């Protein structure tokens, strides 16, 4: 009996030591969508409205028609809005781009606005999907706030799909992955 208790204590000690890590920031595996998503920015009023039980923004997927986010032509990207690590609020330096995009779509009413949200690889797939969705919602809300037509905007959350894996948080590659592409799509 004493041997079983000692072996159990050794096994528990090994698990406890294996769980210790010297990382400064949370590992991508430490994050969960439910534990901090709402605390990420704290400056999105009513950001829980319009979200389904899975946490993703409710939208009419059929309205996207044949749009394929895997094959976006560079000339169809009207602008790209970048975000900080683990952030979804539109930064002040990015707002002029969005206003110019709204002006472009006002002058070109034959195009639908498709927002394609991305994240870097840090975080779980679920967390990153929710984060990219919130980034799209932020851009959409800002577009509507400066005169954009909400009925002309659709969003696609891509999460970490296409992100550079193992890129350090402050690398140019990871910074490039934290974005929303504002894409024109013929109606």
N, C-alpha and C. Protein backbone atom coordinates (compact mmCIF):
# COMPACT_ATOMS: atom_id res chain seq x y z
N UNK A 1 0.82 -1.20 0.00
CA UNK A 1 0.00 0.00 0.00
C UNK A 1 0.86 1.26 0.00
N UNK A 2 1.95 1.21 0.79
CA UNK A 2 2.85 2.36 0.88
C UNK A 2 3.50 2.64 -0.48
N UNK A 3 3.84 1.55 -1.23
CA UNK A 3 4.44 1.71 -2.55
C UNK A 3 3.46 2.39 -3.52
N UNK A 4 2.19 2.05 -3.44
CA UNK A 4 1.17 2.65 -4.32
C UNK A 4 1.05 4.14 -4.03
N UNK A 5 1.04 4.49 -2.75
CA UNK A 5 0.93 5.91 -2.38
C UNK A 5 2.17 6.66 -2.85
N UNK A 6 3.35 6.09 -2.65
CA UNK A 6 4.59 6.74 -3.11
C UNK A 6 4.61 6.90 -4.62
N UNK A 7 4.20 5.85 -5.35
CA UNK A 7 4.16 5.95 -6.82
C UNK A 7 3.15 7.01 -7.27
N UNK A 8 2.02 7.08 -6.59
CA UNK A 8 1.01 8.10 -6.91
C UNK A 8 1.56 9.49 -6.67
N UNK A 9 2.25 9.70 -5.55
CA UNK A 9 2.86 11.00 -5.25
C UNK A 9 3.93 11.37 -6.27
N UNK A 10 4.73 10.41 -6.68
CA UNK A 10 5.76 10.67 -7.69
C UNK A 10 5.11 11.06 -9.01
N UNK A 11 4.06 10.32 -9.40
CA UNK A 11 3.36 10.63 -10.65
C UNK A 11 2.72 12.01 -10.60
N UNK A 12 2.09 12.34 -9.49
CA UNK A 12 1.47 13.67 -9.35
C UNK A 12 2.53 14.77 -9.38
N UNK A 13 3.67 14.52 -8.74
CA UNK A 13 4.76 15.50 -8.76
C UNK A 13 5.28 15.72 -10.18
N UNK A 14 5.40 14.63 -10.93
CA UNK A 14 5.86 14.74 -12.32
C UNK A 14 4.88 15.55 -13.16
N UNK A 15 3.59 15.30 -12.96
CA UNK A 15 2.58 16.08 -13.69
C UNK A 15 2.64 17.55 -13.29
N UNK A 16 2.81 17.83 -12.02
CA UNK A 16 2.87 19.22 -11.55
C UNK A 16 4.08 19.93 -12.12
N UNK A 17 5.23 19.26 -12.14
CA UNK A 17 6.44 19.87 -12.71
C UNK A 17 6.31 20.06 -14.21
N UNK A 18 5.68 19.12 -14.88
CA UNK A 18 5.50 19.24 -16.33
C UNK A 18 4.58 20.40 -16.68
N UNK A 19 3.66 20.71 -15.79
CA UNK A 19 2.72 21.80 -16.05
C UNK A 19 3.35 23.16 -15.84
N UNK A 20 4.43 23.22 -15.09
CA UNK A 20 5.12 24.50 -14.86
C UNK A 20 5.83 24.90 -16.13
N UNK A 21 5.78 26.17 -16.44
CA UNK A 21 6.40 26.67 -17.64
C UNK A 21 6.96 28.05 -17.35
N UNK A 22 8.04 28.41 -17.99
CA UNK A 22 8.66 29.69 -17.71
C UNK A 22 8.27 30.77 -18.72
N UNK A 23 7.22 30.53 -19.50
CA UNK A 23 6.81 31.51 -20.50
C UNK A 23 6.28 32.78 -19.83
N UNK A 24 6.58 33.93 -20.43
CA UNK A 24 6.09 35.19 -19.90
C UNK A 24 4.60 35.35 -20.16
N UNK A 25 4.17 34.94 -21.33
CA UNK A 25 2.78 35.11 -21.73
C UNK A 25 2.11 33.75 -21.78
N UNK A 26 0.78 33.73 -21.84
CA UNK A 26 0.10 32.45 -21.93
C UNK A 26 0.45 31.73 -23.22
N UNK A 27 0.50 30.44 -23.14
CA UNK A 27 0.71 29.62 -24.31
C UNK A 27 -0.55 29.67 -25.17
N UNK A 28 -0.44 29.42 -26.47
CA UNK A 28 -1.65 29.36 -27.29
C UNK A 28 -2.65 28.34 -26.78
N UNK A 29 -2.18 27.33 -26.10
CA UNK A 29 -3.07 26.30 -25.59
C UNK A 29 -3.74 26.71 -24.28
N UNK A 30 -3.27 27.79 -23.63
CA UNK A 30 -3.83 28.23 -22.37
C UNK A 30 -5.10 29.06 -22.54
N UNK A 31 -5.37 29.53 -23.73
CA UNK A 31 -6.50 30.43 -23.93
C UNK A 31 -7.75 29.66 -24.27
N UNK A 32 -8.86 30.16 -23.83
CA UNK A 32 -10.17 29.59 -24.14
C UNK A 32 -11.09 30.75 -24.45
N UNK A 33 -11.99 30.55 -25.38
CA UNK A 33 -12.88 31.63 -25.82
C UNK A 33 -13.72 32.17 -24.68
N UNK A 34 -14.13 31.36 -23.76
CA UNK A 34 -15.04 31.81 -22.72
C UNK A 34 -14.40 32.56 -21.58
N UNK A 35 -13.07 32.49 -21.41
CA UNK A 35 -12.51 33.05 -20.20
C UNK A 35 -12.03 34.47 -20.30
N UNK A 36 -11.73 34.99 -21.49
CA UNK A 36 -11.24 36.36 -21.53
C UNK A 36 -11.68 37.13 -22.75
N UNK A 37 -12.48 36.55 -23.61
CA UNK A 37 -12.87 37.24 -24.83
C UNK A 37 -13.54 38.56 -24.54
N UNK A 38 -14.40 38.59 -23.56
CA UNK A 38 -15.10 39.82 -23.25
C UNK A 38 -14.22 40.85 -22.57
N UNK A 39 -13.11 40.43 -21.99
CA UNK A 39 -12.23 41.35 -21.29
C UNK A 39 -11.12 41.87 -22.17
N UNK A 40 -11.06 41.42 -23.42
CA UNK A 40 -9.93 41.73 -24.26
C UNK A 40 -9.75 43.23 -24.45
N UNK A 41 -10.79 43.94 -24.76
CA UNK A 41 -10.68 45.36 -24.99
C UNK A 41 -11.54 46.14 -24.01
N UNK A 42 -12.69 45.63 -23.72
CA UNK A 42 -13.58 46.31 -22.79
C UNK A 42 -14.15 47.60 -23.32
N UNK A 43 -14.04 47.85 -24.62
CA UNK A 43 -14.54 49.11 -25.14
C UNK A 43 -15.50 48.92 -26.30
N UNK A 44 -16.13 47.76 -26.37
CA UNK A 44 -17.10 47.49 -27.42
C UNK A 44 -18.48 47.41 -26.80
N UNK A 45 -19.24 48.51 -26.79
CA UNK A 45 -20.56 48.45 -26.18
C UNK A 45 -21.46 47.49 -26.91
N UNK A 46 -22.14 46.65 -26.14
CA UNK A 46 -23.12 45.73 -26.71
C UNK A 46 -22.54 44.68 -27.62
N UNK A 47 -21.26 44.29 -27.38
CA UNK A 47 -20.65 43.38 -28.32
C UNK A 47 -21.18 41.96 -28.19
N UNK A 48 -22.04 41.67 -27.26
CA UNK A 48 -22.61 40.33 -27.18
C UNK A 48 -23.90 40.24 -27.99
N UNK A 49 -24.42 41.35 -28.46
CA UNK A 49 -25.65 41.32 -29.24
C UNK A 49 -25.36 40.81 -30.63
N UNK A 50 -26.28 40.00 -31.16
CA UNK A 50 -26.12 39.50 -32.51
C UNK A 50 -25.22 38.28 -32.61
N UNK A 51 -24.88 37.64 -31.49
CA UNK A 51 -24.03 36.48 -31.52
C UNK A 51 -24.84 35.25 -31.15
N UNK A 52 -24.58 34.15 -31.84
CA UNK A 52 -25.28 32.90 -31.57
C UNK A 52 -24.67 32.17 -30.40
N UNK A 53 -25.21 30.99 -30.12
CA UNK A 53 -24.72 30.21 -28.99
C UNK A 53 -23.28 29.76 -29.18
N UNK A 54 -22.81 29.71 -30.43
CA UNK A 54 -21.42 29.34 -30.66
C UNK A 54 -20.48 30.52 -30.53
N UNK A 55 -21.02 31.72 -30.28
CA UNK A 55 -20.20 32.91 -30.09
C UNK A 55 -19.92 33.66 -31.38
N UNK A 56 -20.24 33.08 -32.54
CA UNK A 56 -19.98 33.76 -33.80
C UNK A 56 -21.16 34.63 -34.19
N UNK A 57 -20.84 35.73 -34.86
CA UNK A 57 -21.86 36.68 -35.26
C UNK A 57 -22.85 36.00 -36.19
N UNK A 58 -24.15 36.23 -35.95
CA UNK A 58 -25.19 35.68 -36.82
C UNK A 58 -25.20 36.45 -38.13
N UNK A 59 -25.25 35.73 -39.24
CA UNK A 59 -25.30 36.38 -40.53
C UNK A 59 -25.88 35.44 -41.57
N UNK A 60 -26.31 36.01 -42.67
CA UNK A 60 -26.89 35.23 -43.76
C UNK A 60 -25.77 34.75 -44.67
N UNK A 61 -25.35 33.51 -44.51
CA UNK A 61 -24.23 32.97 -45.28
C UNK A 61 -24.56 32.93 -46.77
N UNK A 62 -25.82 32.67 -47.14
CA UNK A 62 -26.19 32.60 -48.55
C UNK A 62 -25.94 33.91 -49.28
N UNK A 63 -25.95 35.02 -48.55
CA UNK A 63 -25.74 36.31 -49.18
C UNK A 63 -24.33 36.44 -49.75
N UNK A 64 -23.42 35.58 -49.31
CA UNK A 64 -22.05 35.66 -49.81
C UNK A 64 -21.92 35.05 -51.21
N UNK A 65 -22.90 34.28 -51.63
CA UNK A 65 -22.88 33.73 -52.98
C UNK A 65 -21.66 32.89 -53.24
N UNK A 66 -20.90 33.22 -54.28
CA UNK A 66 -19.76 32.42 -54.70
C UNK A 66 -18.44 32.97 -54.19
N UNK A 67 -18.46 33.87 -53.27
CA UNK A 67 -17.22 34.45 -52.76
C UNK A 67 -16.36 33.36 -52.13
N UNK A 68 -15.09 33.33 -52.49
CA UNK A 68 -14.17 32.33 -51.96
C UNK A 68 -13.02 33.05 -51.24
N UNK A 69 -12.99 33.00 -49.91
CA UNK A 69 -11.94 33.71 -49.18
C UNK A 69 -10.55 33.10 -49.38
N UNK A 70 -10.47 31.93 -49.97
CA UNK A 70 -9.17 31.30 -50.24
C UNK A 70 -8.48 31.94 -51.45
N UNK A 71 -9.26 32.54 -52.34
CA UNK A 71 -8.70 33.05 -53.59
C UNK A 71 -9.05 34.52 -53.81
N UNK A 72 -8.68 35.36 -52.88
CA UNK A 72 -8.93 36.80 -53.02
C UNK A 72 -7.82 37.39 -53.88
N UNK A 73 -8.22 38.05 -54.95
CA UNK A 73 -7.24 38.71 -55.80
C UNK A 73 -6.76 39.99 -55.11
N UNK A 74 -5.47 40.29 -55.14
CA UNK A 74 -4.96 41.50 -54.48
C UNK A 74 -5.67 42.78 -54.93
N UNK A 75 -6.07 42.84 -56.19
CA UNK A 75 -6.74 44.05 -56.69
C UNK A 75 -8.16 44.20 -56.14
N UNK A 76 -8.70 43.15 -55.53
CA UNK A 76 -10.03 43.24 -54.93
C UNK A 76 -10.01 43.69 -53.47
N UNK A 77 -8.82 43.77 -52.89
CA UNK A 77 -8.70 44.24 -51.51
C UNK A 77 -8.67 45.77 -51.54
N UNK A 78 -9.72 46.37 -51.00
CA UNK A 78 -9.83 47.83 -50.98
C UNK A 78 -8.89 48.41 -49.93
N UNK A 79 -8.83 47.78 -48.76
CA UNK A 79 -7.88 48.17 -47.73
C UNK A 79 -7.72 47.03 -46.74
N UNK A 80 -6.69 47.11 -45.93
CA UNK A 80 -6.44 46.13 -44.88
C UNK A 80 -6.31 46.89 -43.57
N UNK A 81 -7.09 46.45 -42.58
CA UNK A 81 -7.09 47.07 -41.26
C UNK A 81 -6.32 46.14 -40.33
N UNK A 82 -5.28 46.68 -39.67
CA UNK A 82 -4.44 45.87 -38.79
C UNK A 82 -4.82 46.09 -37.33
N UNK A 83 -4.55 45.06 -36.52
CA UNK A 83 -4.89 45.07 -35.10
C UNK A 83 -3.68 44.67 -34.27
N UNK A 84 -3.69 45.08 -33.01
CA UNK A 84 -2.67 44.67 -32.07
C UNK A 84 -2.90 43.25 -31.61
N UNK A 85 -1.92 42.71 -30.92
CA UNK A 85 -2.02 41.34 -30.41
C UNK A 85 -3.19 41.23 -29.45
N UNK A 86 -4.06 40.26 -29.70
CA UNK A 86 -5.19 39.95 -28.82
C UNK A 86 -6.16 41.13 -28.71
N UNK A 87 -6.30 41.93 -29.78
CA UNK A 87 -7.16 43.11 -29.77
C UNK A 87 -8.14 43.04 -30.92
N UNK A 88 -9.28 43.70 -30.73
CA UNK A 88 -10.26 43.77 -31.82
C UNK A 88 -10.83 45.17 -32.01
N UNK A 89 -10.47 46.12 -31.19
CA UNK A 89 -10.94 47.50 -31.39
C UNK A 89 -10.14 48.13 -32.53
N UNK A 90 -10.82 48.92 -33.37
CA UNK A 90 -10.15 49.60 -34.47
C UNK A 90 -9.28 50.70 -33.88
N UNK A 91 -7.99 50.64 -34.16
CA UNK A 91 -7.05 51.64 -33.65
C UNK A 91 -7.19 52.94 -34.43
N UNK A 92 -6.87 54.04 -33.78
CA UNK A 92 -7.04 55.35 -34.40
C UNK A 92 -6.26 55.49 -35.71
N UNK A 93 -5.10 54.88 -35.80
CA UNK A 93 -4.29 54.96 -37.01
C UNK A 93 -4.88 54.21 -38.20
N UNK A 94 -5.86 53.36 -37.96
CA UNK A 94 -6.47 52.55 -39.02
C UNK A 94 -7.80 53.13 -39.51
N UNK A 95 -8.32 54.11 -38.81
CA UNK A 95 -9.67 54.62 -39.10
C UNK A 95 -9.77 55.34 -40.44
N UNK A 96 -8.73 56.03 -40.85
CA UNK A 96 -8.76 56.74 -42.14
C UNK A 96 -8.92 55.76 -43.30
N UNK A 97 -8.29 54.59 -43.19
CA UNK A 97 -8.43 53.56 -44.23
C UNK A 97 -9.88 53.14 -44.37
N UNK A 98 -10.54 52.96 -43.23
CA UNK A 98 -11.94 52.51 -43.27
C UNK A 98 -12.82 53.58 -43.88
N UNK A 99 -12.58 54.83 -43.53
CA UNK A 99 -13.37 55.94 -44.10
C UNK A 99 -13.17 55.99 -45.62
N UNK A 100 -11.93 55.81 -46.08
CA UNK A 100 -11.67 55.80 -47.52
C UNK A 100 -12.39 54.63 -48.20
N UNK A 101 -12.43 53.48 -47.53
CA UNK A 101 -13.14 52.32 -48.09
C UNK A 101 -14.63 52.61 -48.19
N UNK A 102 -15.21 53.24 -47.16
CA UNK A 102 -16.63 53.61 -47.20
C UNK A 102 -16.89 54.55 -48.36
N UNK A 103 -16.01 55.51 -48.57
CA UNK A 103 -16.15 56.44 -49.70
C UNK A 103 -16.07 55.70 -51.03
N UNK A 104 -15.15 54.72 -51.12
CA UNK A 104 -15.02 53.93 -52.34
C UNK A 104 -16.32 53.18 -52.64
N UNK A 105 -16.89 52.53 -51.62
CA UNK A 105 -18.11 51.76 -51.84
C UNK A 105 -19.31 52.66 -52.12
N UNK A 106 -19.33 53.85 -51.57
CA UNK A 106 -20.41 54.80 -51.87
C UNK A 106 -20.35 55.21 -53.34
N UNK A 107 -19.14 55.35 -53.87
CA UNK A 107 -18.96 55.73 -55.27
C UNK A 107 -19.11 54.54 -56.22
N UNK A 108 -19.08 53.33 -55.68
CA UNK A 108 -19.16 52.11 -56.50
C UNK A 108 -20.23 51.18 -55.92
N UNK A 109 -21.51 51.53 -56.08
CA UNK A 109 -22.59 50.77 -55.45
C UNK A 109 -22.81 49.37 -56.03
N UNK A 110 -22.12 49.01 -57.10
CA UNK A 110 -22.27 47.68 -57.68
C UNK A 110 -21.47 46.61 -56.92
N UNK A 111 -20.71 47.06 -55.92
CA UNK A 111 -19.90 46.12 -55.15
C UNK A 111 -20.50 45.88 -53.77
N UNK A 112 -20.40 44.66 -53.31
CA UNK A 112 -20.74 44.28 -51.95
C UNK A 112 -19.44 44.35 -51.15
N UNK A 113 -19.53 44.63 -49.86
CA UNK A 113 -18.37 44.70 -48.98
C UNK A 113 -18.25 43.37 -48.25
N UNK A 114 -17.11 42.71 -48.40
CA UNK A 114 -16.83 41.47 -47.68
C UNK A 114 -15.65 41.76 -46.74
N UNK A 115 -15.87 41.54 -45.45
CA UNK A 115 -14.81 41.70 -44.46
C UNK A 115 -14.28 40.31 -44.13
N UNK A 116 -12.98 40.11 -44.31
CA UNK A 116 -12.37 38.81 -44.06
C UNK A 116 -11.39 38.98 -42.89
N UNK A 117 -11.76 38.40 -41.74
CA UNK A 117 -10.98 38.57 -40.52
C UNK A 117 -9.96 37.46 -40.32
N UNK A 118 -8.77 37.86 -39.83
CA UNK A 118 -7.66 36.94 -39.61
C UNK A 118 -7.05 37.16 -38.23
N UNK A 119 -6.34 36.15 -37.74
CA UNK A 119 -5.56 36.27 -36.51
C UNK A 119 -4.19 35.62 -36.73
N UNK A 120 -3.29 35.85 -35.78
CA UNK A 120 -2.04 35.10 -35.81
C UNK A 120 -2.31 33.71 -35.24
N UNK A 121 -1.31 32.90 -35.08
CA UNK A 121 -1.49 31.51 -34.65
C UNK A 121 -1.64 31.37 -33.14
N UNK A 122 -1.32 32.40 -32.37
CA UNK A 122 -1.38 32.32 -30.91
C UNK A 122 -2.83 32.16 -30.47
N UNK A 123 -3.09 31.21 -29.59
CA UNK A 123 -4.44 30.95 -29.10
C UNK A 123 -5.01 29.69 -29.73
N UNK A 124 -6.10 29.22 -29.17
CA UNK A 124 -6.74 28.03 -29.73
C UNK A 124 -7.49 28.39 -31.00
N UNK A 125 -7.82 27.38 -31.78
CA UNK A 125 -8.60 27.63 -33.01
C UNK A 125 -9.91 28.33 -32.69
N UNK A 126 -10.58 27.85 -31.66
CA UNK A 126 -11.88 28.44 -31.27
C UNK A 126 -11.71 29.90 -30.87
N UNK A 127 -10.73 30.18 -30.06
CA UNK A 127 -10.48 31.55 -29.61
C UNK A 127 -10.17 32.46 -30.79
N UNK A 128 -9.30 31.99 -31.70
CA UNK A 128 -8.93 32.80 -32.85
C UNK A 128 -10.09 33.02 -33.81
N UNK A 129 -10.96 32.03 -33.94
CA UNK A 129 -12.14 32.22 -34.79
C UNK A 129 -13.03 33.32 -34.22
N UNK A 130 -13.24 33.28 -32.91
CA UNK A 130 -14.05 34.32 -32.27
C UNK A 130 -13.38 35.69 -32.36
N UNK A 131 -12.07 35.72 -32.18
CA UNK A 131 -11.35 36.99 -32.27
C UNK A 131 -11.44 37.58 -33.67
N UNK A 132 -11.27 36.76 -34.69
CA UNK A 132 -11.37 37.28 -36.07
C UNK A 132 -12.79 37.75 -36.37
N UNK A 133 -13.79 37.09 -35.81
CA UNK A 133 -15.17 37.51 -35.98
C UNK A 133 -15.40 38.88 -35.31
N UNK A 134 -14.86 39.05 -34.12
CA UNK A 134 -15.00 40.34 -33.42
C UNK A 134 -14.26 41.45 -34.16
N UNK A 135 -13.14 41.13 -34.77
CA UNK A 135 -12.42 42.12 -35.58
C UNK A 135 -13.29 42.56 -36.76
N UNK A 136 -13.93 41.60 -37.41
CA UNK A 136 -14.83 41.94 -38.52
C UNK A 136 -15.97 42.82 -38.03
N UNK A 137 -16.54 42.48 -36.89
CA UNK A 137 -17.65 43.26 -36.33
C UNK A 137 -17.20 44.68 -36.00
N UNK A 138 -16.00 44.84 -35.47
CA UNK A 138 -15.47 46.17 -35.17
C UNK A 138 -15.36 47.02 -36.43
N UNK A 139 -14.80 46.43 -37.48
CA UNK A 139 -14.65 47.16 -38.74
C UNK A 139 -16.02 47.48 -39.32
N UNK A 140 -16.93 46.52 -39.29
CA UNK A 140 -18.28 46.74 -39.79
C UNK A 140 -18.97 47.87 -39.02
N UNK A 141 -18.90 47.82 -37.70
CA UNK A 141 -19.52 48.87 -36.88
C UNK A 141 -18.92 50.24 -37.18
N UNK A 142 -17.61 50.29 -37.37
CA UNK A 142 -16.98 51.57 -37.68
C UNK A 142 -17.41 52.06 -39.07
N UNK A 143 -17.50 51.14 -40.02
CA UNK A 143 -17.95 51.52 -41.37
C UNK A 143 -19.35 52.11 -41.32
N UNK A 144 -20.24 51.47 -40.60
CA UNK A 144 -21.61 51.97 -40.48
C UNK A 144 -21.61 53.32 -39.76
N UNK A 145 -20.76 53.46 -38.76
CA UNK A 145 -20.66 54.72 -38.01
C UNK A 145 -20.22 55.91 -38.84
N UNK A 146 -19.45 55.65 -39.92
CA UNK A 146 -19.00 56.75 -40.77
C UNK A 146 -19.77 56.81 -42.08
N UNK A 147 -20.94 56.16 -42.11
CA UNK A 147 -21.83 56.30 -43.26
C UNK A 147 -21.95 55.09 -44.16
N UNK A 148 -21.35 53.98 -43.81
CA UNK A 148 -21.46 52.77 -44.63
C UNK A 148 -22.84 52.15 -44.50
N UNK A 149 -23.23 51.39 -45.50
CA UNK A 149 -24.53 50.72 -45.54
C UNK A 149 -24.41 49.33 -44.92
N UNK A 150 -25.01 49.14 -43.75
CA UNK A 150 -24.91 47.87 -43.03
C UNK A 150 -25.44 46.70 -43.86
N UNK A 151 -26.44 46.94 -44.69
CA UNK A 151 -27.01 45.85 -45.48
C UNK A 151 -26.09 45.41 -46.62
N UNK A 152 -25.03 46.16 -46.86
CA UNK A 152 -24.09 45.86 -47.93
C UNK A 152 -22.81 45.21 -47.41
N UNK A 153 -22.76 44.90 -46.11
CA UNK A 153 -21.53 44.38 -45.49
C UNK A 153 -21.75 42.94 -45.03
N UNK A 154 -20.86 42.06 -45.42
CA UNK A 154 -20.84 40.67 -44.95
C UNK A 154 -19.47 40.39 -44.35
N UNK A 155 -19.41 39.44 -43.43
CA UNK A 155 -18.15 39.11 -42.77
C UNK A 155 -17.86 37.62 -42.85
N UNK A 156 -16.58 37.32 -42.94
CA UNK A 156 -16.11 35.94 -42.89
C UNK A 156 -14.98 35.89 -41.88
N UNK A 157 -15.16 35.14 -40.81
CA UNK A 157 -14.11 34.94 -39.81
C UNK A 157 -13.25 33.76 -40.25
N UNK A 158 -11.96 33.98 -40.39
CA UNK A 158 -11.05 32.92 -40.84
C UNK A 158 -10.15 32.42 -39.71
N UNK A 159 -10.13 33.14 -38.59
CA UNK A 159 -9.28 32.71 -37.49
C UNK A 159 -7.83 32.67 -37.91
N UNK A 160 -7.16 31.59 -37.54
CA UNK A 160 -5.73 31.46 -37.81
C UNK A 160 -5.43 30.78 -39.14
N UNK A 161 -6.46 30.50 -39.95
CA UNK A 161 -6.24 29.85 -41.24
C UNK A 161 -5.32 30.73 -42.08
N UNK A 162 -4.22 30.17 -42.50
CA UNK A 162 -3.26 30.91 -43.33
C UNK A 162 -2.22 31.68 -42.53
N UNK A 163 -2.30 31.65 -41.21
CA UNK A 163 -1.32 32.38 -40.39
C UNK A 163 0.04 31.67 -40.43
N UNK A 164 1.09 32.45 -40.23
CA UNK A 164 2.44 31.90 -40.17
C UNK A 164 2.60 31.22 -38.82
N UNK A 165 2.72 29.90 -38.82
CA UNK A 165 2.81 29.12 -37.59
C UNK A 165 4.18 29.32 -36.94
N UNK A 166 4.18 29.40 -35.63
CA UNK A 166 5.38 29.56 -34.81
C UNK A 166 6.05 30.92 -34.97
N UNK A 167 5.38 31.87 -35.58
CA UNK A 167 5.95 33.21 -35.68
C UNK A 167 5.90 33.87 -34.30
N UNK A 168 7.01 34.46 -33.85
CA UNK A 168 6.99 35.17 -32.56
C UNK A 168 5.95 36.29 -32.58
N UNK A 169 5.40 36.60 -31.41
CA UNK A 169 4.31 37.58 -31.31
C UNK A 169 4.63 38.92 -31.95
N UNK A 170 5.87 39.38 -31.84
CA UNK A 170 6.22 40.71 -32.35
C UNK A 170 6.86 40.68 -33.73
N UNK A 171 6.84 39.54 -34.38
CA UNK A 171 7.45 39.44 -35.71
C UNK A 171 6.57 40.13 -36.75
N UNK A 172 7.17 40.58 -37.85
CA UNK A 172 6.37 41.17 -38.93
C UNK A 172 5.31 40.22 -39.48
N UNK A 173 5.64 38.93 -39.51
CA UNK A 173 4.68 37.95 -40.03
C UNK A 173 3.44 37.88 -39.14
N UNK A 174 3.64 37.82 -37.83
CA UNK A 174 2.50 37.74 -36.90
C UNK A 174 1.69 39.03 -36.94
N UNK A 175 2.36 40.17 -37.04
CA UNK A 175 1.64 41.45 -37.11
C UNK A 175 0.80 41.51 -38.39
N UNK A 176 1.31 40.98 -39.48
CA UNK A 176 0.58 40.96 -40.75
C UNK A 176 -0.66 40.07 -40.66
N UNK A 177 -0.60 39.01 -39.86
CA UNK A 177 -1.72 38.08 -39.73
C UNK A 177 -2.89 38.66 -38.93
N UNK A 178 -2.67 39.71 -38.15
CA UNK A 178 -3.72 40.30 -37.30
C UNK A 178 -4.43 41.39 -38.10
N UNK A 179 -5.41 40.99 -38.91
CA UNK A 179 -5.99 41.96 -39.84
C UNK A 179 -7.41 41.60 -40.25
N UNK A 180 -8.05 42.60 -40.87
CA UNK A 180 -9.31 42.40 -41.58
C UNK A 180 -9.09 42.97 -42.97
N UNK A 181 -9.28 42.14 -43.99
CA UNK A 181 -9.23 42.61 -45.36
C UNK A 181 -10.62 43.09 -45.75
N UNK A 182 -10.70 44.31 -46.27
CA UNK A 182 -11.95 44.86 -46.80
C UNK A 182 -11.93 44.61 -48.30
N UNK A 183 -12.81 43.71 -48.76
CA UNK A 183 -12.76 43.22 -50.13
C UNK A 183 -14.01 43.65 -50.89
N UNK A 184 -13.81 44.05 -52.15
CA UNK A 184 -14.96 44.36 -53.02
C UNK A 184 -15.37 43.09 -53.75
N UNK A 185 -16.70 42.90 -53.87
CA UNK A 185 -17.23 41.72 -54.51
C UNK A 185 -18.45 42.14 -55.31
N UNK A 186 -18.46 41.83 -56.61
CA UNK A 186 -19.55 42.24 -57.49
C UNK A 186 -20.86 41.62 -57.00
N UNK A 187 -21.90 42.45 -56.92
CA UNK A 187 -23.24 41.98 -56.48
C UNK A 187 -23.86 41.09 -57.50
